């Protein structure tokens, strides 16, 4: 399944951005009742024709990265909660723990 998380409802707040980087945008999200963060990957890193086929190279790379990240357990690393396909853009999303502290 493309949506490999245990949440029944995911809401992305795309206008509530927490940061922007080379590969994507991080915004606030809600997974069921849990406030979290979501990394939306920039569309240019995915061939849109691949998104209907789970064997596309970019989609495989995304899932491989997620499979690695979900194994990391440390109080010093943001916890990855799941992955999801945004129905609006059809692009992969990483769901992560929301860190409320500011590091600056």
PDB file of N, CA and C in Angstrom:
ATOM      1  N   UNK A   1       0.830  -1.194   0.000  1.00  0.00           N
ATOM      2  CA  UNK A   1       0.000   0.000   0.000  1.00  0.00           C
ATOM      3  C   UNK A   1       0.870   1.253   0.000  1.00  0.00           C
ATOM      4  N   UNK A   2       0.445   2.264  -0.738  1.00  0.00           N
ATOM      5  CA  UNK A   2       1.195   3.519  -0.805  1.00  0.00           C
ATOM      6  C   UNK A   2       1.150   4.260   0.528  1.00  0.00           C
ATOM      7  N   UNK A   3       0.048   4.153   1.239  1.00  0.00           N
ATOM      8  CA  UNK A   3      -0.110   4.831   2.531  1.00  0.00           C
ATOM      9  C   UNK A   3       0.212   3.825   3.638  1.00  0.00           C
ATOM     10  N   UNK A   4       1.454   3.823   4.104  1.00  0.00           N
ATOM     11  CA  UNK A   4       1.862   2.814   5.076  1.00  0.00           C
ATOM     12  C   UNK A   4       1.961   3.412   6.472  1.00  0.00           C
ATOM     13  N   UNK A   5       0.889   3.974   6.956  1.00  0.00           N
ATOM     14  CA  UNK A   5       0.844   4.531   8.304  1.00  0.00           C
ATOM     15  C   UNK A   5      -0.403   4.001   8.974  1.00  0.00           C
ATOM     16  N   UNK A   6      -0.504   4.235  10.264  1.00  0.00           N
ATOM     17  CA  UNK A   6      -1.649   3.699  10.991  1.00  0.00           C
ATOM     18  C   UNK A   6      -2.682   4.767  11.318  1.00  0.00           C
ATOM     19  N   UNK A   7      -2.633   5.891  10.634  1.00  0.00           N
ATOM     20  CA  UNK A   7      -3.576   6.978  10.868  1.00  0.00           C
ATOM     21  C   UNK A   7      -4.770   6.841   9.929  1.00  0.00           C
ATOM     22  N   UNK A   8      -5.946   7.183  10.438  1.00  0.00           N
ATOM     23  CA  UNK A   8      -7.148   7.125   9.611  1.00  0.00           C
ATOM     24  C   UNK A   8      -7.316   8.385   8.780  1.00  0.00           C
ATOM     25  N   UNK A   9      -6.850   9.531   9.312  1.00  0.00           N
ATOM     26  CA  UNK A   9      -7.053  10.802   8.624  1.00  0.00           C
ATOM     27  C   UNK A   9      -5.776  11.636   8.686  1.00  0.00           C
ATOM     28  N   UNK A  10      -5.353  12.146   7.545  1.00  0.00           N
ATOM     29  CA  UNK A  10      -4.188  13.040   7.475  1.00  0.00           C
ATOM     30  C   UNK A  10      -4.639  14.351   6.848  1.00  0.00           C
ATOM     31  N   UNK A  11      -4.324  15.445   7.516  1.00  0.00           N
ATOM     32  CA  UNK A  11      -4.634  16.789   7.012  1.00  0.00           C
ATOM     33  C   UNK A  11      -3.328  17.562   6.896  1.00  0.00           C
ATOM     34  N   UNK A  12      -3.017  18.037   5.703  1.00  0.00           N
ATOM     35  CA  UNK A  12      -1.824  18.861   5.487  1.00  0.00           C
ATOM     36  C   UNK A  12      -2.213  20.324   5.537  1.00  0.00           C
ATOM     37  N   UNK A  13      -1.412  21.117   6.232  1.00  0.00           N
ATOM     38  CA  UNK A  13      -1.619  22.568   6.282  1.00  0.00           C
ATOM     39  C   UNK A  13      -0.504  23.215   5.458  1.00  0.00           C
ATOM     40  N   UNK A  14      -0.672  23.150   4.138  1.00  0.00           N
ATOM     41  CA  UNK A  14       0.386  23.566   3.215  1.00  0.00           C
ATOM     42  C   UNK A  14       0.746  25.043   3.338  1.00  0.00           C
ATOM     43  N   UNK A  15      -0.164  25.865   3.829  1.00  0.00           N
ATOM     44  CA  UNK A  15       0.130  27.296   3.992  1.00  0.00           C
ATOM     45  C   UNK A  15       0.820  27.595   5.317  1.00  0.00           C
ATOM     46  N   UNK A  16       0.937  26.608   6.181  1.00  0.00           N
ATOM     47  CA  UNK A  16       1.605  26.776   7.475  1.00  0.00           C
ATOM     48  C   UNK A  16       2.992  26.133   7.390  1.00  0.00           C
ATOM     49  N   UNK A  17       3.870  26.803   6.648  1.00  0.00           N
ATOM     50  CA  UNK A  17       5.209  26.268   6.376  1.00  0.00           C
ATOM     51  C   UNK A  17       6.126  26.420   7.572  1.00  0.00           C
ATOM     52  N   UNK A  18       6.886  25.364   7.828  1.00  0.00           N
ATOM     53  CA  UNK A  18       7.881  25.365   8.892  1.00  0.00           C
ATOM     54  C   UNK A  18       9.285  25.555   8.332  1.00  0.00           C
ATOM     55  N   UNK A  19       9.476  25.231   7.063  1.00  0.00           N
ATOM     56  CA  UNK A  19      10.782  25.373   6.434  1.00  0.00           C
ATOM     57  C   UNK A  19      10.736  24.962   4.979  1.00  0.00           C
ATOM     58  N   UNK A  20      11.743  25.408   4.241  1.00  0.00           N
ATOM     59  CA  UNK A  20      11.868  25.083   2.820  1.00  0.00           C
ATOM     60  C   UNK A  20      13.308  24.659   2.579  1.00  0.00           C
ATOM     61  N   UNK A  21      13.493  23.598   1.823  1.00  0.00           N
ATOM     62  CA  UNK A  21      14.832  23.122   1.508  1.00  0.00           C
ATOM     63  C   UNK A  21      14.945  22.765   0.046  1.00  0.00           C
ATOM     64  N   UNK A  22      16.081  22.217  -0.304  1.00  0.00           N
ATOM     65  CA  UNK A  22      16.355  21.855  -1.690  1.00  0.00           C
ATOM     66  C   UNK A  22      15.360  20.836  -2.225  1.00  0.00           C
ATOM     67  N   UNK A  23      15.010  19.854  -1.406  1.00  0.00           N
ATOM     68  CA  UNK A  23      14.190  18.754  -1.887  1.00  0.00           C
ATOM     69  C   UNK A  23      12.717  18.867  -1.548  1.00  0.00           C
ATOM     70  N   UNK A  24      12.344  19.831  -0.709  1.00  0.00           N
ATOM     71  CA  UNK A  24      10.937  19.922  -0.378  1.00  0.00           C
ATOM     72  C   UNK A  24      10.613  21.017   0.614  1.00  0.00           C
ATOM     73  N   UNK A  25       9.348  21.028   0.995  1.00  0.00           N
ATOM     74  CA  UNK A  25       8.796  21.995   1.932  1.00  0.00           C
ATOM     75  C   UNK A  25       8.277  21.217   3.138  1.00  0.00           C
ATOM     76  N   UNK A  26       8.515  21.735   4.336  1.00  0.00           N
ATOM     77  CA  UNK A  26       7.970  21.124   5.544  1.00  0.00           C
ATOM     78  C   UNK A  26       6.857  22.028   6.055  1.00  0.00           C
ATOM     79  N   UNK A  27       5.699  21.445   6.260  1.00  0.00           N
ATOM     80  CA  UNK A  27       4.558  22.204   6.758  1.00  0.00           C
ATOM     81  C   UNK A  27       3.946  21.456   7.935  1.00  0.00           C
ATOM     82  N   UNK A  28       3.060  22.127   8.630  1.00  0.00           N
ATOM     83  CA  UNK A  28       2.338  21.463   9.719  1.00  0.00           C
ATOM     84  C   UNK A  28       1.304  20.510   9.127  1.00  0.00           C
ATOM     85  N   UNK A  29       0.983  19.495   9.923  1.00  0.00           N
ATOM     86  CA  UNK A  29      -0.009  18.502   9.511  1.00  0.00           C
ATOM     87  C   UNK A  29      -0.688  17.967  10.760  1.00  0.00           C
ATOM     88  N   UNK A  30      -1.751  17.228  10.550  1.00  0.00           N
ATOM     89  CA  UNK A  30      -2.434  16.539  11.642  1.00  0.00           C
ATOM     90  C   UNK A  30      -2.721  15.123  11.150  1.00  0.00           C
ATOM     91  N   UNK A  31      -2.285  14.160  11.949  1.00  0.00           N
ATOM     92  CA  UNK A  31      -2.547  12.747  11.679  1.00  0.00           C
ATOM     93  C   UNK A  31      -3.485  12.276  12.770  1.00  0.00           C
ATOM     94  N   UNK A  32      -4.737  12.051  12.421  1.00  0.00           N
ATOM     95  CA  UNK A  32      -5.797  11.837  13.393  1.00  0.00           C
ATOM     96  C   UNK A  32      -5.799  13.047  14.331  1.00  0.00           C
ATOM     97  N   UNK A  33      -5.488  12.875  15.609  1.00  0.00           N
ATOM     98  CA  UNK A  33      -5.488  14.013  16.540  1.00  0.00           C
ATOM     99  C   UNK A  33      -4.075  14.488  16.872  1.00  0.00           C
ATOM    100  N   UNK A  34      -3.077  13.889  16.264  1.00  0.00           N
ATOM    101  CA  UNK A  34      -1.683  14.202  16.551  1.00  0.00           C
ATOM    102  C   UNK A  34      -1.167  15.314  15.635  1.00  0.00           C
ATOM    103  N   UNK A  35      -0.693  16.418  16.237  1.00  0.00           N
ATOM    104  CA  UNK A  35      -0.028  17.450  15.439  1.00  0.00           C
ATOM    105  C   UNK A  35       1.329  16.917  15.029  1.00  0.00           C
ATOM    106  N   UNK A  36       1.675  17.112  13.769  1.00  0.00           N
ATOM    107  CA  UNK A  36       2.952  16.618  13.283  1.00  0.00           C
ATOM    108  C   UNK A  36       3.447  17.525  12.162  1.00  0.00           C
ATOM    109  N   UNK A  37       4.543  17.132  11.552  1.00  0.00           N
ATOM    110  CA  UNK A  37       5.111  17.866  10.427  1.00  0.00           C
ATOM    111  C   UNK A  37       5.069  16.947   9.208  1.00  0.00           C
ATOM    112  N   UNK A  38       4.990  17.571   8.036  1.00  0.00           N
ATOM    113  CA  UNK A  38       4.951  16.804   6.796  1.00  0.00           C
ATOM    114  C   UNK A  38       5.941  17.407   5.814  1.00  0.00           C
ATOM    115  N   UNK A  39       6.801  16.563   5.259  1.00  0.00           N
ATOM    116  CA  UNK A  39       7.737  17.007   4.230  1.00  0.00           C
ATOM    117  C   UNK A  39       7.149  16.648   2.884  1.00  0.00           C
ATOM    118  N   UNK A  40       6.800  17.683   2.130  1.00  0.00           N
ATOM    119  CA  UNK A  40       6.253  17.513   0.796  1.00  0.00           C
ATOM    120  C   UNK A  40       7.408  17.690  -0.179  1.00  0.00           C
ATOM    121  N   UNK A  41       7.681  16.665  -0.939  1.00  0.00           N
ATOM    122  CA  UNK A  41       8.803  16.711  -1.852  1.00  0.00           C
ATOM    123  C   UNK A  41       8.440  17.511  -3.100  1.00  0.00           C
ATOM    124  N   UNK A  42       9.408  18.292  -3.596  1.00  0.00           N
ATOM    125  CA  UNK A  42       9.173  19.112  -4.783  1.00  0.00           C
ATOM    126  C   UNK A  42       8.852  18.222  -5.989  1.00  0.00           C
ATOM    127  N   UNK A  43       7.857  18.606  -6.772  1.00  0.00           N
ATOM    128  CA  UNK A  43       7.425  17.780  -7.907  1.00  0.00           C
ATOM    129  C   UNK A  43       8.518  17.520  -8.941  1.00  0.00           C
ATOM    130  N   UNK A  44       9.485  18.422  -9.094  1.00  0.00           N
ATOM    131  CA  UNK A  44      10.494  18.227 -10.138  1.00  0.00           C
ATOM    132  C   UNK A  44      11.372  16.997  -9.891  1.00  0.00           C
ATOM    133  N   UNK A  45      11.326  16.443  -8.656  1.00  0.00           N
ATOM    134  CA  UNK A  45      12.119  15.253  -8.368  1.00  0.00           C
ATOM    135  C   UNK A  45      11.372  13.965  -8.699  1.00  0.00           C
ATOM    136  N   UNK A  46      10.162  14.095  -9.204  1.00  0.00           N
ATOM    137  CA  UNK A  46       9.374  12.930  -9.553  1.00  0.00           C
ATOM    138  C   UNK A  46       8.833  13.075 -10.954  1.00  0.00           C
ATOM    139  N   UNK A  47       8.960  12.021 -11.712  1.00  0.00           N
ATOM    140  CA  UNK A  47       8.372  11.964 -13.045  1.00  0.00           C
ATOM    141  C   UNK A  47       6.896  11.640 -12.846  1.00  0.00           C
ATOM    142  N   UNK A  48       6.029  12.585 -13.150  1.00  0.00           N
ATOM    143  CA  UNK A  48       4.594  12.413 -12.881  1.00  0.00           C
ATOM    144  C   UNK A  48       4.049  11.156 -13.544  1.00  0.00           C
ATOM    145  N   UNK A  49       4.627  10.753 -14.662  1.00  0.00           N
ATOM    146  CA  UNK A  49       4.155   9.532 -15.315  1.00  0.00           C
ATOM    147  C   UNK A  49       4.467   8.298 -14.480  1.00  0.00           C
ATOM    148  N   UNK A  50       5.448   8.399 -13.546  1.00  0.00           N
ATOM    149  CA  UNK A  50       5.798   7.263 -12.700  1.00  0.00           C
ATOM    150  C   UNK A  50       4.816   7.068 -11.550  1.00  0.00           C
ATOM    151  N   UNK A  51       4.082   8.099 -11.173  1.00  0.00           N
ATOM    152  CA  UNK A  51       3.337   8.061  -9.923  1.00  0.00           C
ATOM    153  C   UNK A  51       2.206   7.040  -9.901  1.00  0.00           C
ATOM    154  N   UNK A  52       1.754   6.624 -11.062  1.00  0.00           N
ATOM    155  CA  UNK A  52       0.718   5.607 -11.106  1.00  0.00           C
ATOM    156  C   UNK A  52       1.312   4.203 -11.024  1.00  0.00           C
ATOM    157  N   UNK A  53       2.624   4.113 -11.107  1.00  0.00           N
ATOM    158  CA  UNK A  53       3.300   2.818 -11.118  1.00  0.00           C
ATOM    159  C   UNK A  53       4.259   2.768  -9.933  1.00  0.00           C
ATOM    160  N   UNK A  54       4.016   1.846  -9.020  1.00  0.00           N
ATOM    161  CA  UNK A  54       4.842   1.789  -7.807  1.00  0.00           C
ATOM    162  C   UNK A  54       6.283   1.408  -8.108  1.00  0.00           C
ATOM    163  N   UNK A  55       6.586   0.993  -9.321  1.00  0.00           N
ATOM    164  CA  UNK A  55       7.949   0.597  -9.659  1.00  0.00           C
ATOM    165  C   UNK A  55       8.774   1.748 -10.232  1.00  0.00           C
ATOM    166  N   UNK A  56       8.233   2.965 -10.309  1.00  0.00           N
ATOM    167  CA  UNK A  56       8.986   4.105 -10.829  1.00  0.00           C
ATOM    168  C   UNK A  56      10.239   4.344  -9.996  1.00  0.00           C
ATOM    169  N   UNK A  57      11.336   4.746 -10.614  1.00  0.00           N
ATOM    170  CA  UNK A  57      12.624   4.901  -9.928  1.00  0.00           C
ATOM    171  C   UNK A  57      12.548   5.906  -8.784  1.00  0.00           C
ATOM    172  N   UNK A  58      11.917   7.051  -8.998  1.00  0.00           N
ATOM    173  CA  UNK A  58      11.840   8.070  -7.951  1.00  0.00           C
ATOM    174  C   UNK A  58      10.994   7.592  -6.779  1.00  0.00           C
ATOM    175  N   UNK A  59       9.916   6.906  -7.074  1.00  0.00           N
ATOM    176  CA  UNK A  59       9.043   6.393  -6.020  1.00  0.00           C
ATOM    177  C   UNK A  59       9.771   5.317  -5.228  1.00  0.00           C
ATOM    178  N   UNK A  60      10.511   4.457  -5.917  1.00  0.00           N
ATOM    179  CA  UNK A  60      11.293   3.418  -5.224  1.00  0.00           C
ATOM    180  C   UNK A  60      12.334   4.058  -4.313  1.00  0.00           C
ATOM    181  N   UNK A  61      13.002   5.111  -4.783  1.00  0.00           N
ATOM    182  CA  UNK A  61      14.019   5.797  -3.980  1.00  0.00           C
ATOM    183  C   UNK A  61      13.382   6.417  -2.734  1.00  0.00           C
ATOM    184  N   UNK A  62      12.223   7.037  -2.898  1.00  0.00           N
ATOM    185  CA  UNK A  62      11.508   7.626  -1.769  1.00  0.00           C
ATOM    186  C   UNK A  62      11.199   6.558  -0.713  1.00  0.00           C
ATOM    187  N   UNK A  63      10.651   5.421  -1.144  1.00  0.00           N
ATOM    188  CA  UNK A  63      10.285   4.361  -0.206  1.00  0.00           C
ATOM    189  C   UNK A  63      11.530   3.761   0.456  1.00  0.00           C
ATOM    190  N   UNK A  64      12.621   3.646  -0.269  1.00  0.00           N
ATOM    191  CA  UNK A  64      13.868   3.132   0.313  1.00  0.00           C
ATOM    192  C   UNK A  64      14.375   4.081   1.395  1.00  0.00           C
ATOM    193  N   UNK A  65      14.335   5.386   1.119  1.00  0.00           N
ATOM    194  CA  UNK A  65      14.759   6.373   2.116  1.00  0.00           C
ATOM    195  C   UNK A  65      13.871   6.285   3.353  1.00  0.00           C
ATOM    196  N   UNK A  66      12.573   6.197   3.162  1.00  0.00           N
ATOM    197  CA  UNK A  66      11.661   6.094   4.296  1.00  0.00           C
ATOM    198  C   UNK A  66      11.936   4.826   5.105  1.00  0.00           C
ATOM    199  N   UNK A  67      12.134   3.708   4.428  1.00  0.00           N
ATOM    200  CA  UNK A  67      12.394   2.452   5.136  1.00  0.00           C
ATOM    201  C   UNK A  67      13.633   2.561   6.022  1.00  0.00           C
ATOM    202  N   UNK A  68      14.639   3.321   5.574  1.00  0.00           N
ATOM    203  CA  UNK A  68      15.836   3.554   6.387  1.00  0.00           C
ATOM    204  C   UNK A  68      15.509   4.470   7.567  1.00  0.00           C
ATOM    205  N   UNK A  69      14.839   5.581   7.300  1.00  0.00           N
ATOM    206  CA  UNK A  69      14.568   6.577   8.340  1.00  0.00           C
ATOM    207  C   UNK A  69      13.675   6.032   9.454  1.00  0.00           C
ATOM    208  N   UNK A  70      12.723   5.184   9.123  1.00  0.00           N
ATOM    209  CA  UNK A  70      11.803   4.684  10.144  1.00  0.00           C
ATOM    210  C   UNK A  70      12.493   3.757  11.137  1.00  0.00           C
ATOM    211  N   UNK A  71      13.672   3.252  10.793  1.00  0.00           N
ATOM    212  CA  UNK A  71      14.413   2.376  11.703  1.00  0.00           C
ATOM    213  C   UNK A  71      15.220   3.149  12.738  1.00  0.00           C
ATOM    214  N   UNK A  72      15.456   4.434  12.505  1.00  0.00           N
ATOM    215  CA  UNK A  72      16.273   5.236  13.409  1.00  0.00           C
ATOM    216  C   UNK A  72      15.480   5.573  14.666  1.00  0.00           C
ATOM    217  N   UNK A  73      16.054   5.288  15.804  1.00  0.00           N
ATOM    218  CA  UNK A  73      15.403   5.594  17.076  1.00  0.00           C
ATOM    219  C   UNK A  73      16.414   6.280  17.979  1.00  0.00           C
ATOM    220  N   UNK A  74      16.203   7.560  18.227  1.00  0.00           N
ATOM    221  CA  UNK A  74      17.087   8.326  19.105  1.00  0.00           C
ATOM    222  C   UNK A  74      16.347   9.570  19.566  1.00  0.00           C
ATOM    223  N   UNK A  75      16.580   9.995  20.813  1.00  0.00           N
ATOM    224  CA  UNK A  75      15.957  11.248  21.269  1.00  0.00           C
ATOM    225  C   UNK A  75      16.519  12.468  20.529  1.00  0.00           C
ATOM    226  N   UNK A  76      17.590  12.279  19.764  1.00  0.00           N
ATOM    227  CA  UNK A  76      18.232  13.381  19.050  1.00  0.00           C
ATOM    228  C   UNK A  76      17.847  13.444  17.576  1.00  0.00           C
ATOM    229  N   UNK A  77      16.983  12.542  17.135  1.00  0.00           N
ATOM    230  CA  UNK A  77      16.556  12.498  15.733  1.00  0.00           C
ATOM    231  C   UNK A  77      15.037  12.595  15.686  1.00  0.00           C
ATOM    232  N   UNK A  78      14.527  13.456  14.814  1.00  0.00           N
ATOM    233  CA  UNK A  78      13.076  13.573  14.619  1.00  0.00           C
ATOM    234  C   UNK A  78      12.531  12.207  14.208  1.00  0.00           C
ATOM    235  N   UNK A  79      11.458  11.784  14.864  1.00  0.00           N
ATOM    236  CA  UNK A  79      10.851  10.483  14.588  1.00  0.00           C
ATOM    237  C   UNK A  79       9.988  10.542  13.329  1.00  0.00           C
ATOM    238  N   UNK A  80      10.195   9.621  12.418  1.00  0.00           N
ATOM    239  CA  UNK A  80       9.366   9.529  11.220  1.00  0.00           C
ATOM    240  C   UNK A  80       8.158   8.674  11.551  1.00  0.00           C
ATOM    241  N   UNK A  81       6.963   9.194  11.283  1.00  0.00           N
ATOM    242  CA  UNK A  81       5.714   8.550  11.673  1.00  0.00           C
ATOM    243  C   UNK A  81       5.104   7.709  10.564  1.00  0.00           C
ATOM    244  N   UNK A  82       5.401   8.059   9.334  1.00  0.00           N
ATOM    245  CA  UNK A  82       4.808   7.323   8.234  1.00  0.00           C
ATOM    246  C   UNK A  82       5.031   8.024   6.919  1.00  0.00           C
ATOM    247  N   UNK A  83       4.524   7.406   5.893  1.00  0.00           N
ATOM    248  CA  UNK A  83       4.559   8.012   4.560  1.00  0.00           C
ATOM    249  C   UNK A  83       3.142   8.001   4.020  1.00  0.00           C
ATOM    250  N   UNK A  84       2.910   8.883   3.093  1.00  0.00           N
ATOM    251  CA  UNK A  84       1.552   9.078   2.607  1.00  0.00           C
ATOM    252  C   UNK A  84       1.635   9.627   1.196  1.00  0.00           C
ATOM    253  N   UNK A  85       0.639   9.387   0.394  1.00  0.00           N
ATOM    254  CA  UNK A  85       0.546   9.997  -0.940  1.00  0.00           C
ATOM    255  C   UNK A  85      -0.506  11.093  -0.856  1.00  0.00           C
ATOM    256  N   UNK A  86      -0.091  12.330  -1.131  1.00  0.00           N
ATOM    257  CA  UNK A  86      -1.007  13.465  -1.114  1.00  0.00           C
ATOM    258  C   UNK A  86      -1.983  13.305  -2.272  1.00  0.00           C
ATOM    259  N   UNK A  87      -3.285  13.191  -1.986  1.00  0.00           N
ATOM    260  CA  UNK A  87      -4.248  12.989  -3.074  1.00  0.00           C
ATOM    261  C   UNK A  87      -4.347  14.179  -4.016  1.00  0.00           C
ATOM    262  N   UNK A  88      -3.996  15.371  -3.538  1.00  0.00           N
ATOM    263  CA  UNK A  88      -4.067  16.575  -4.377  1.00  0.00           C
ATOM    264  C   UNK A  88      -2.950  16.593  -5.424  1.00  0.00           C
ATOM    265  N   UNK A  89      -1.705  16.363  -4.986  1.00  0.00           N
ATOM    266  CA  UNK A  89      -0.562  16.429  -5.913  1.00  0.00           C
ATOM    267  C   UNK A  89      -0.130  15.053  -6.409  1.00  0.00           C
ATOM    268  N   UNK A  90      -0.591  13.993  -5.718  1.00  0.00           N
ATOM    269  CA  UNK A  90      -0.201  12.608  -5.998  1.00  0.00           C
ATOM    270  C   UNK A  90       1.283  12.365  -5.729  1.00  0.00           C
ATOM    271  N   UNK A  91       1.905  13.226  -4.906  1.00  0.00           N
ATOM    272  CA  UNK A  91       3.315  13.091  -4.576  1.00  0.00           C
ATOM    273  C   UNK A  91       3.497  12.509  -3.182  1.00  0.00           C
ATOM    274  N   UNK A  92       4.628  11.827  -2.949  1.00  0.00           N
ATOM    275  CA  UNK A  92       4.902  11.258  -1.629  1.00  0.00           C
ATOM    276  C   UNK A  92       5.117  12.333  -0.574  1.00  0.00           C
ATOM    277  N   UNK A  93       4.719  12.030   0.640  1.00  0.00           N
ATOM    278  CA  UNK A  93       4.864  12.923   1.794  1.00  0.00           C
ATOM    279  C   UNK A  93       5.460  12.109   2.938  1.00  0.00           C
ATOM    280  N   UNK A  94       6.466  12.674   3.616  1.00  0.00           N
ATOM    281  CA  UNK A  94       6.996  12.070   4.838  1.00  0.00           C
ATOM    282  C   UNK A  94       6.294  12.707   6.024  1.00  0.00           C
ATOM    283  N   UNK A  95       5.729  11.905   6.903  1.00  0.00           N
ATOM    284  CA  UNK A  95       5.074  12.391   8.117  1.00  0.00           C
ATOM    285  C   UNK A  95       6.058  12.225   9.267  1.00  0.00           C
ATOM    286  N   UNK A  96       6.280  13.324  10.005  1.00  0.00           N
ATOM    287  CA  UNK A  96       7.308  13.333  11.039  1.00  0.00           C
ATOM    288  C   UNK A  96       6.789  13.956  12.317  1.00  0.00           C
ATOM    289  N   UNK A  97       7.465  13.626  13.396  1.00  0.00           N
ATOM    290  CA  UNK A  97       7.223  14.250  14.682  1.00  0.00           C
ATOM    291  C   UNK A  97       7.390  15.767  14.543  1.00  0.00           C
ATOM    292  N   UNK A  98       6.540  16.526  15.216  1.00  0.00           N
ATOM    293  CA  UNK A  98       6.637  17.987  15.195  1.00  0.00           C
ATOM    294  C   UNK A  98       7.503  18.438  16.362  1.00  0.00           C
ATOM    295  N   UNK A  99       8.560  19.147  16.049  1.00  0.00           N
ATOM    296  CA  UNK A  99       9.448  19.665  17.088  1.00  0.00           C
ATOM    297  C   UNK A  99       9.026  21.085  17.381  1.00  0.00           C
ATOM    298  N   UNK A 100       8.581  21.339  18.589  1.00  0.00           N
ATOM    299  CA  UNK A 100       8.057  22.654  18.939  1.00  0.00           C
ATOM    300  C   UNK A 100       9.129  23.643  19.385  1.00  0.00           C
ATOM    301  N   UNK A 101      10.351  23.165  19.629  1.00  0.00           N
ATOM    302  CA  UNK A 101      11.416  24.059  20.064  1.00  0.00           C
ATOM    303  C   UNK A 101      12.084  24.710  18.863  1.00  0.00           C
ATOM    304  N   UNK A 102      12.565  25.929  19.067  1.00  0.00           N
ATOM    305  CA  UNK A 102      13.300  26.641  18.028  1.00  0.00           C
ATOM    306  C   UNK A 102      14.791  26.476  18.331  1.00  0.00           C
ATOM    307  N   UNK A 103      15.575  26.055  17.354  1.00  0.00           N
ATOM    308  CA  UNK A 103      16.999  25.805  17.575  1.00  0.00           C
ATOM    309  C   UNK A 103      17.870  27.028  17.390  1.00  0.00           C
ATOM    310  N   UNK A 104      17.278  28.134  16.960  1.00  0.00           N
ATOM    311  CA  UNK A 104      18.093  29.338  16.726  1.00  0.00           C
ATOM    312  C   UNK A 104      18.130  30.221  17.947  1.00  0.00           C
TER     313      UNK A 104
END
